[in-house]
Amino acid sequence: MIKAVIFDIDNTLTDFMKTKRAAVDSAVEGMIDAGLKVDKAKMIEKIFETYWKDGVEDQKIFDKVIKQELGYLDFKILAGGIVGYRRAKSGSMALYPHVGLTLTELAKMGIKMVIVSDAPRLEAWLRIVGLGLHHYFDHVITSEDTGFKKPAPEPFKKALSVLCTKPEETLMVGDWAERDMVGAKKVGIRTAWAKYGDQFNTTDSGAEFILNDIYELVGIIRMENGLSAPALEKVQGIA
């Protein structure tokens, strides 16, 4: 029986990379407008190369690329990038289809829910509140709470402690197989891979369940708990 679900945020509940690409595009335009003389496409490529190396939650990304480009940090250009990034990010952040419906259904079933994210604590809460999800989650577990990032077992153990459930009663839902699925399995938590959010062309997630749409989670849990499962076709077109 499944009593609780642990969710990742980025590329699981929200299309994070779509937002990130739009925000970086706007940030580079802001830097150029502030006086940075670069080719826009090449600068965007450089930023994402740094993201893949240092992590997409790197809060000093623009400082690094500006220093690489100029040899020093120009605060006018940095400000242009930050303002452009924030403006585009707030306007493009959105949930995947059926997220709200899925969370509502799980809440009605009495399923406990918690977030485990590698994002900084404030950034994670800003996303959750900005997306209107704060009524579903009382707890967000980040690396600031445990001192570790996924796939270390500590964030998942913390989630079990908050949920007061056993690993076999808990399901981890995430898009990043090497972090979300591997980390959860280390402590015996069951796994559901958000294939719809995969950014790495993963061929084998190692997960027990594969989700092509997040609403499939409702059917999985209902069947695991001995309840009838609703058909996804009945809710197609409902965001």
Protein backbone atom coordinates (compact mmCIF):
# COMPACT_ATOMS: atom_id res chain seq x y z
CA MET A 1 0.00 0.00 0.00
CA ILE A 2 1.23 3.50 -0.86
CA LYS A 3 0.57 6.07 1.87
CA ALA A 4 2.84 8.92 0.76
CA VAL A 5 4.54 10.47 -2.26
CA ILE A 6 7.82 12.35 -2.42
CA PHE A 7 7.98 14.77 -5.35
CA ASP A 8 10.88 16.45 -7.06
CA ILE A 9 9.94 19.93 -8.37
CA ASP A 10 11.92 20.79 -11.47
CA ASN A 11 10.96 18.86 -14.62
CA THR A 12 8.55 16.82 -12.49
CA LEU A 13 5.89 19.31 -11.41
CA THR A 14 7.06 22.24 -13.51
CA ASP A 15 8.72 22.40 -16.92
CA PHE A 16 11.84 23.86 -15.39
CA MET A 17 14.12 23.68 -18.42
CA LYS A 18 11.60 25.50 -20.60
CA THR A 19 11.56 28.27 -18.01
CA LYS A 20 15.35 28.18 -17.65
CA ARG A 21 15.92 28.54 -21.41
CA ALA A 22 13.52 31.48 -21.67
CA ALA A 23 15.12 33.14 -18.64
CA VAL A 24 18.68 32.69 -19.92
CA ASP A 25 17.72 34.06 -23.33
CA SER A 26 16.28 37.17 -21.65
CA ALA A 27 19.29 37.45 -19.33
CA VAL A 28 21.74 37.51 -22.22
CA GLU A 29 19.66 40.16 -23.97
CA GLY A 30 19.77 42.18 -20.75
CA MET A 31 23.56 41.86 -20.55
CA ILE A 32 23.98 42.92 -24.17
CA ASP A 33 21.65 45.87 -23.62
CA ALA A 34 23.80 46.86 -20.62
CA GLY A 35 26.91 46.94 -22.80
CA LEU A 36 28.29 43.40 -23.03
CA LYS A 37 29.65 42.87 -26.54
CA VAL A 38 29.06 39.18 -27.26
CA ASP A 39 27.32 36.97 -29.75
CA LYS A 40 23.99 36.10 -28.14
CA ALA A 41 23.88 32.44 -29.25
CA LYS A 42 27.45 31.78 -28.14
CA MET A 43 26.85 33.41 -24.75
CA ILE A 44 23.75 31.32 -24.15
CA GLU A 45 25.75 28.21 -25.04
CA LYS A 46 28.51 29.23 -22.62
CA ILE A 47 25.99 29.73 -19.80
CA PHE A 48 24.47 26.29 -20.28
CA GLU A 49 27.90 24.67 -20.50
CA THR A 50 28.61 26.19 -17.08
CA TYR A 51 25.22 25.05 -15.78
CA TRP A 52 25.88 21.45 -16.82
CA LYS A 53 29.31 21.59 -15.16
CA ASP A 54 28.42 23.40 -11.92
CA GLY A 55 24.70 22.62 -11.59
CA VAL A 56 21.55 24.35 -12.84
CA GLU A 57 20.92 25.82 -9.38
CA ASP A 58 24.20 27.76 -9.44
CA GLN A 59 23.31 31.21 -8.05
CA LYS A 60 26.57 32.80 -9.30
CA ILE A 61 26.31 31.69 -12.92
CA PHE A 62 26.27 35.19 -14.44
CA ASP A 63 29.15 36.36 -12.25
CA LYS A 64 31.23 33.48 -13.62
CA VAL A 65 30.49 33.96 -17.31
CA ILE A 66 30.92 37.75 -17.15
CA LYS A 67 34.31 37.32 -15.45
CA GLN A 68 35.27 34.77 -18.11
CA GLU A 69 34.27 37.19 -20.85
CA LEU A 70 35.71 40.44 -19.45
CA GLY A 71 38.28 39.35 -16.90
CA TYR A 72 36.41 41.22 -14.17
CA LEU A 73 32.86 41.57 -12.86
CA ASP A 74 30.93 44.50 -14.35
CA PHE A 75 27.98 45.10 -12.04
CA LYS A 76 26.00 47.06 -14.61
CA ILE A 77 26.10 44.07 -16.96
CA LEU A 78 25.42 41.66 -14.08
CA ALA A 79 22.36 43.68 -13.07
CA GLY A 80 21.11 43.66 -16.66
CA GLY A 81 21.39 39.88 -16.75
CA ILE A 82 19.71 39.34 -13.39
CA VAL A 83 16.79 41.67 -14.18
CA GLY A 84 16.27 40.04 -17.58
CA TYR A 85 16.44 36.58 -16.05
CA ARG A 86 13.95 37.32 -13.27
CA ARG A 87 11.51 39.05 -15.59
CA ALA A 88 11.38 36.13 -18.01
CA LYS A 89 11.40 33.49 -15.29
CA SER A 90 8.36 34.90 -13.50
CA GLY A 91 6.47 35.10 -16.78
CA SER A 92 7.28 31.64 -18.10
CA MET A 93 7.07 29.37 -15.05
CA ALA A 94 4.21 26.92 -15.44
CA LEU A 95 3.07 23.50 -14.30
CA TYR A 96 2.99 20.45 -16.53
CA PRO A 97 -0.52 19.43 -17.64
CA HIS A 98 -2.61 17.65 -14.99
CA VAL A 99 -0.33 18.50 -12.04
CA GLY A 100 -3.00 20.38 -10.10
CA LEU A 101 -5.58 17.69 -10.83
CA THR A 102 -3.18 14.94 -9.74
CA LEU A 103 -2.26 16.61 -6.45
CA THR A 104 -5.91 17.28 -5.70
CA GLU A 105 -6.82 13.64 -6.33
CA LEU A 106 -3.99 12.42 -4.11
CA ALA A 107 -5.02 14.79 -1.33
CA LYS A 108 -8.59 13.49 -1.52
CA MET A 109 -7.24 9.95 -1.15
CA GLY A 110 -5.40 10.95 2.02
CA ILE A 111 -1.96 10.53 0.47
CA LYS A 112 0.74 12.46 2.31
CA MET A 113 3.01 14.56 0.10
CA VAL A 114 6.39 16.23 0.49
CA ILE A 115 8.97 17.88 -1.78
CA VAL A 116 12.64 16.88 -1.95
CA SER A 117 14.70 19.28 -4.05
CA ASP A 118 18.34 20.22 -4.59
CA ALA A 119 17.27 23.85 -5.07
CA PRO A 120 18.10 26.34 -2.28
CA ARG A 121 15.32 26.47 0.31
CA LEU A 122 14.03 29.94 -0.58
CA GLU A 123 14.15 29.26 -4.33
CA ALA A 124 12.19 26.04 -3.84
CA TRP A 125 9.49 27.79 -1.80
CA LEU A 126 9.32 30.68 -4.28
CA ARG A 127 8.57 28.21 -7.06
CA ILE A 128 5.99 26.32 -5.02
CA VAL A 129 4.16 29.45 -3.87
CA GLY A 130 4.47 31.08 -7.29
CA LEU A 131 2.87 28.03 -8.89
CA GLY A 132 0.08 27.92 -6.30
CA LEU A 133 1.17 24.57 -4.86
CA HIS A 134 1.81 25.66 -1.27
CA HIS A 135 -1.57 24.34 -0.10
CA TYR A 136 -0.49 20.81 -1.00
CA PHE A 137 2.91 20.84 0.72
CA ASP A 138 3.77 21.72 4.30
CA HIS A 139 7.37 20.59 3.98
CA VAL A 140 10.11 21.14 1.42
CA ILE A 141 13.34 19.28 2.07
CA THR A 142 16.47 20.79 0.51
CA SER A 143 20.21 20.29 0.87
CA GLU A 144 20.15 23.07 3.46
CA ASP A 145 18.12 20.78 5.72
CA THR A 146 20.39 17.74 5.53
CA GLY A 147 23.72 18.98 4.18
CA PHE A 148 23.42 16.55 1.27
CA LYS A 149 22.02 16.52 -2.26
CA LYS A 150 20.37 13.67 -4.12
CA PRO A 151 21.21 10.82 -4.64
CA ALA A 152 22.60 10.77 -1.10
CA PRO A 153 20.22 8.86 1.20
CA GLU A 154 19.92 11.66 3.78
CA PRO A 155 17.26 13.78 1.97
CA PHE A 156 15.12 10.68 1.45
CA LYS A 157 15.51 9.57 5.06
CA LYS A 158 14.47 13.07 6.14
CA ALA A 159 11.39 12.80 3.92
CA LEU A 160 10.42 9.49 5.55
CA SER A 161 10.82 11.10 8.96
CA VAL A 162 8.55 14.00 7.99
CA LEU A 163 5.96 11.72 6.40
CA CYS A 164 6.08 9.14 9.22
CA THR A 165 5.89 6.33 6.65
CA LYS A 166 7.95 3.24 5.88
CA PRO A 167 10.01 3.10 2.66
CA GLU A 168 7.75 0.43 1.15
CA GLU A 169 4.72 2.68 1.80
CA THR A 170 6.34 5.64 0.04
CA LEU A 171 6.74 6.48 -3.65
CA MET A 172 9.36 8.83 -5.10
CA VAL A 173 8.38 10.72 -8.27
CA GLY A 174 11.15 12.46 -10.20
CA ASP A 175 12.62 13.04 -13.64
CA TRP A 176 16.33 12.53 -12.98
CA ALA A 177 17.02 8.79 -12.83
CA GLU A 178 20.57 9.09 -11.51
CA ARG A 179 19.49 11.28 -8.60
CA ASP A 180 15.80 10.74 -7.88
CA MET A 181 15.46 7.04 -8.65
CA VAL A 182 18.90 5.94 -7.44
CA GLY A 183 18.66 7.95 -4.22
CA ALA A 184 15.20 6.67 -3.34
CA LYS A 185 16.10 3.05 -4.03
CA LYS A 186 19.11 3.31 -1.70
CA VAL A 187 16.73 3.52 1.25
CA GLY A 188 14.06 1.16 -0.13
CA ILE A 189 11.58 3.79 -1.32
CA ARG A 190 9.50 2.79 -4.33
CA THR A 191 10.03 4.75 -7.53
CA ALA A 192 8.08 6.34 -10.40
CA TRP A 193 10.07 8.02 -13.16
CA ALA A 194 8.62 11.18 -14.73
CA LYS A 195 9.59 10.30 -18.30
CA TYR A 196 7.77 13.39 -19.59
CA GLY A 197 10.39 15.58 -17.87
CA ASP A 198 13.50 13.63 -18.90
CA GLN A 199 16.32 15.90 -20.12
CA PHE A 200 18.98 13.23 -20.64
CA ASN A 201 17.48 10.81 -23.17
CA THR A 202 17.44 8.15 -20.47
CA THR A 203 17.00 4.63 -21.80
CA ASP A 204 16.71 2.78 -18.47
CA SER A 205 15.53 4.71 -15.43
CA GLY A 206 15.56 1.69 -13.14
CA ALA A 207 12.18 2.79 -11.77
CA GLU A 208 9.31 0.52 -10.81
CA PHE A 209 6.81 2.72 -12.68
CA ILE A 210 7.17 4.99 -15.72
CA LEU A 211 4.96 8.07 -16.10
CA ASN A 212 4.24 9.54 -19.51
CA ASP A 213 1.76 11.91 -17.85
CA ILE A 214 1.76 12.78 -14.15
CA TYR A 215 -1.93 11.89 -13.83
CA GLU A 216 -0.99 8.23 -14.37
CA LEU A 217 0.25 8.41 -10.79
CA VAL A 218 -3.35 8.50 -9.56
CA GLY A 219 -4.15 5.24 -11.31
CA ILE A 220 -0.98 3.56 -10.03
CA ILE A 221 -1.68 4.47 -6.43
CA ARG A 222 -5.34 3.52 -6.63
CA MET A 223 -4.46 0.10 -8.04
CA GLU A 224 -1.68 -0.43 -5.49
CA ASN A 225 -4.17 0.44 -2.73
CA GLY A 226 -6.90 -1.83 -4.10
CA LEU A 227 -9.08 0.93 -5.53
CA SER A 228 -10.48 1.35 -9.04
CA ALA A 229 -8.26 3.47 -11.29
CA PRO A 230 -9.63 6.35 -13.43
CA ALA A 231 -8.73 6.42 -17.11
CA LEU A 232 -6.39 9.19 -18.23
CA GLU A 233 -8.49 9.70 -21.35
CA LYS A 234 -11.29 11.10 -19.18
CA VAL A 235 -9.15 14.03 -18.12
CA GLN A 236 -7.26 14.81 -21.32
CA GLY A 237 -7.40 18.50 -22.01
CA ILE A 238 -7.73 19.43 -18.33
CA ALA A 239 -4.65 21.30 -17.10
